[in-house]
């Protein structure tokens, strides 16, 4: 399994479209969580992010158990390193899950914070939390630290890819090289 992470608006989905075209299965962690959360009365991802940490951890555990059974080699997990909750940053990938998964590589997709802010403003489909530029930079730093910890815990190599505005083909080419 390859795990691809980034803050909301970094362009993970856009970059991952190249993997899907190459025959990889992309599983979105948030979609998997929402399948479970909807059964518990949660309407959307942004509402889920605002739930108490214990509630989120319970849903993460169910998704983690499902992913532990995943045996396909050509699977990419699209997720976040951390979730910015009202109580602080919640690890997106707790150690108890990572220790049960066969992780081949960790990839962090990011961009300049001002570019990410502009992308978020253009996306009317989400009710993003109101992070200012300083908070977004903090979130990016937290994610980089979490990814380093995930690499240590799994032994998987970690790669940071910059997804600059207007350079998506370059970013996709860099990412595709990791799939070989």
Protein backbone atom coordinates (compact mmCIF):
# COMPACT_ATOMS: atom_id res chain seq x y z
CA UNK A 1 0.00 0.00 0.00
CA UNK A 2 1.15 3.51 -0.82
CA UNK A 3 -0.21 6.20 1.48
CA UNK A 4 -0.63 9.68 -0.02
CA UNK A 5 -1.29 12.54 2.38
CA UNK A 6 -1.61 16.32 2.42
CA UNK A 7 -3.60 19.19 3.86
CA UNK A 8 -7.00 19.90 2.31
CA UNK A 9 -6.44 21.84 -0.90
CA UNK A 10 -2.93 20.53 -1.60
CA UNK A 11 -4.19 18.73 -4.72
CA UNK A 12 -3.98 15.08 -3.71
CA UNK A 13 -7.00 14.05 -5.77
CA UNK A 14 -5.71 15.82 -8.86
CA UNK A 15 -2.29 14.20 -8.55
CA UNK A 16 -3.80 10.77 -7.84
CA UNK A 17 -5.85 10.79 -11.04
CA UNK A 18 -2.67 9.66 -12.85
CA UNK A 19 -2.51 6.55 -10.64
CA UNK A 20 -6.10 5.63 -11.36
CA UNK A 21 -5.42 5.96 -15.08
CA UNK A 22 -2.48 3.55 -14.60
CA UNK A 23 -4.74 0.91 -13.02
CA UNK A 24 -4.14 1.57 -9.33
CA UNK A 25 -7.04 1.41 -6.88
CA UNK A 26 -7.32 4.63 -4.89
CA UNK A 27 -9.16 4.33 -1.59
CA UNK A 28 -10.11 7.58 0.08
CA UNK A 29 -9.85 7.31 3.86
CA UNK A 30 -12.42 10.08 4.34
CA UNK A 31 -14.92 8.26 2.12
CA UNK A 32 -14.41 5.07 4.10
CA UNK A 33 -14.93 6.97 7.37
CA UNK A 34 -18.07 8.63 6.03
CA UNK A 35 -19.58 5.26 5.07
CA UNK A 36 -19.45 4.41 8.78
CA UNK A 37 -20.23 7.91 10.11
CA UNK A 38 -23.42 8.23 8.08
CA UNK A 39 -24.74 5.18 9.89
CA UNK A 40 -24.10 7.10 13.12
CA UNK A 41 -25.98 10.22 12.01
CA UNK A 42 -23.12 12.36 10.65
CA UNK A 43 -24.05 14.23 7.47
CA UNK A 44 -20.68 15.23 5.97
CA UNK A 45 -16.90 15.19 6.48
CA UNK A 46 -16.75 18.66 7.88
CA UNK A 47 -19.29 17.69 10.57
CA UNK A 48 -17.26 14.53 11.29
CA UNK A 49 -14.09 16.58 11.81
CA UNK A 50 -15.89 18.55 14.52
CA UNK A 51 -16.96 15.47 16.50
CA UNK A 52 -15.17 14.56 19.75
CA UNK A 53 -11.81 12.84 19.24
CA UNK A 54 -13.06 9.59 20.80
CA UNK A 55 -15.90 9.40 18.26
CA UNK A 56 -13.47 9.98 15.40
CA UNK A 57 -11.05 7.40 16.79
CA UNK A 58 -13.85 4.82 16.94
CA UNK A 59 -14.58 5.33 13.25
CA UNK A 60 -10.85 5.36 12.41
CA UNK A 61 -10.54 1.99 14.15
CA UNK A 62 -13.27 0.45 12.00
CA UNK A 63 -11.62 1.77 8.83
CA UNK A 64 -8.22 0.61 10.08
CA UNK A 65 -9.50 -2.93 10.55
CA UNK A 66 -10.96 -2.94 7.05
CA UNK A 67 -7.68 -1.72 5.54
CA UNK A 68 -5.68 -4.31 7.48
CA UNK A 69 -7.48 -6.94 5.40
CA UNK A 70 -6.51 -5.22 2.12
CA UNK A 71 -4.12 -7.51 0.22
CA UNK A 72 -4.00 -5.89 -3.23
CA UNK A 73 -0.52 -4.58 -4.03
CA UNK A 74 -1.75 -1.76 -6.27
CA UNK A 75 -3.66 0.20 -3.63
CA UNK A 76 -3.15 3.83 -2.78
CA UNK A 77 -4.69 5.25 0.36
CA UNK A 78 -5.63 8.93 -0.04
CA UNK A 79 -5.74 10.50 3.42
CA UNK A 80 -4.53 13.26 5.73
CA UNK A 81 -1.53 13.06 8.06
CA UNK A 82 -3.55 14.82 10.71
CA UNK A 83 -7.05 16.11 11.24
CA UNK A 84 -7.35 19.65 12.55
CA UNK A 85 -10.04 19.29 15.21
CA UNK A 86 -11.28 21.88 17.71
CA UNK A 87 -9.26 20.04 20.38
CA UNK A 88 -6.01 19.94 18.42
CA UNK A 89 -4.40 17.81 15.72
CA UNK A 90 -5.57 14.19 15.67
CA UNK A 91 -3.21 11.69 14.00
CA UNK A 92 -4.74 10.55 10.74
CA UNK A 93 -2.91 7.23 10.91
CA UNK A 94 -2.56 5.90 14.46
CA UNK A 95 0.31 3.49 15.08
CA UNK A 96 -2.06 0.63 15.91
CA UNK A 97 -3.22 0.74 12.26
CA UNK A 98 0.14 1.34 10.63
CA UNK A 99 1.65 -1.64 12.42
CA UNK A 100 -0.96 -3.92 10.79
CA UNK A 101 -0.75 -2.52 7.26
CA UNK A 102 1.78 -3.39 4.58
CA UNK A 103 3.00 0.14 3.81
CA UNK A 104 5.45 0.37 0.91
CA UNK A 105 5.77 4.15 0.66
CA UNK A 106 4.54 7.41 2.20
CA UNK A 107 3.99 10.47 0.02
CA UNK A 108 3.15 13.97 1.20
CA UNK A 109 1.64 16.29 -1.42
CA UNK A 110 1.91 19.96 -0.54
CA UNK A 111 2.12 23.43 -2.09
CA UNK A 112 2.87 26.97 -1.10
CA UNK A 113 0.37 27.96 1.63
CA UNK A 114 -0.93 30.94 -0.38
CA UNK A 115 -1.67 28.60 -3.30
CA UNK A 116 -3.53 26.20 -1.02
CA UNK A 117 -5.58 29.08 0.43
CA UNK A 118 -6.60 30.16 -3.10
CA UNK A 119 -7.58 26.57 -4.00
CA UNK A 120 -9.73 26.31 -0.88
CA UNK A 121 -11.49 29.58 -1.70
CA UNK A 122 -12.37 28.25 -5.17
CA UNK A 123 -13.87 24.99 -3.81
CA UNK A 124 -17.56 25.58 -2.98
CA UNK A 125 -18.17 21.88 -2.28
CA UNK A 126 -16.59 21.92 1.17
CA UNK A 127 -17.08 23.84 4.41
CA UNK A 128 -13.40 24.05 5.24
CA UNK A 129 -12.33 25.22 8.64
CA UNK A 130 -11.35 28.86 8.74
CA UNK A 131 -7.58 28.54 8.88
CA UNK A 132 -5.60 31.69 8.27
CA UNK A 133 -2.23 31.54 6.54
CA UNK A 134 -0.32 31.09 9.81
CA UNK A 135 -2.57 28.21 10.92
CA UNK A 136 -2.25 26.53 7.52
CA UNK A 137 1.54 26.77 7.75
CA UNK A 138 1.36 25.23 11.23
CA UNK A 139 -0.85 22.41 9.90
CA UNK A 140 1.65 21.73 7.11
CA UNK A 141 4.51 21.59 9.64
CA UNK A 142 2.57 19.22 11.89
CA UNK A 143 1.86 16.99 8.88
CA UNK A 144 5.52 16.85 7.91
CA UNK A 145 6.42 15.82 11.46
CA UNK A 146 3.67 13.19 11.52
CA UNK A 147 4.80 11.80 8.16
CA UNK A 148 8.35 11.45 9.48
CA UNK A 149 6.98 9.57 12.50
CA UNK A 150 4.87 7.34 10.24
CA UNK A 151 8.01 6.54 8.23
CA UNK A 152 9.91 5.59 11.38
CA UNK A 153 7.01 3.43 12.59
CA UNK A 154 6.53 1.58 9.28
CA UNK A 155 10.05 1.58 7.88
CA UNK A 156 8.56 2.91 4.62
CA UNK A 157 10.40 5.63 2.71
CA UNK A 158 8.82 9.08 2.82
CA UNK A 159 8.68 11.51 -0.11
CA UNK A 160 7.50 15.13 -0.22
CA UNK A 161 6.17 16.34 -3.57
CA UNK A 162 5.43 20.01 -4.21
CA UNK A 163 2.25 20.51 -6.26
CA UNK A 164 2.80 24.05 -7.53
CA UNK A 165 0.05 25.92 -9.36
CA UNK A 166 0.27 25.38 -13.10
CA UNK A 167 2.68 22.45 -12.70
CA UNK A 168 0.27 19.53 -12.16
CA UNK A 169 1.72 17.49 -15.06
CA UNK A 170 5.21 17.79 -13.54
CA UNK A 171 3.82 16.80 -10.14
CA UNK A 172 1.97 13.83 -11.63
CA UNK A 173 5.09 12.69 -13.48
CA UNK A 174 7.10 12.84 -10.23
CA UNK A 175 4.40 10.86 -8.44
CA UNK A 176 4.04 8.30 -11.25
CA UNK A 177 7.77 7.52 -11.00
CA UNK A 178 7.10 6.27 -7.46
CA UNK A 179 4.58 3.71 -8.72
CA UNK A 180 7.13 1.66 -10.67
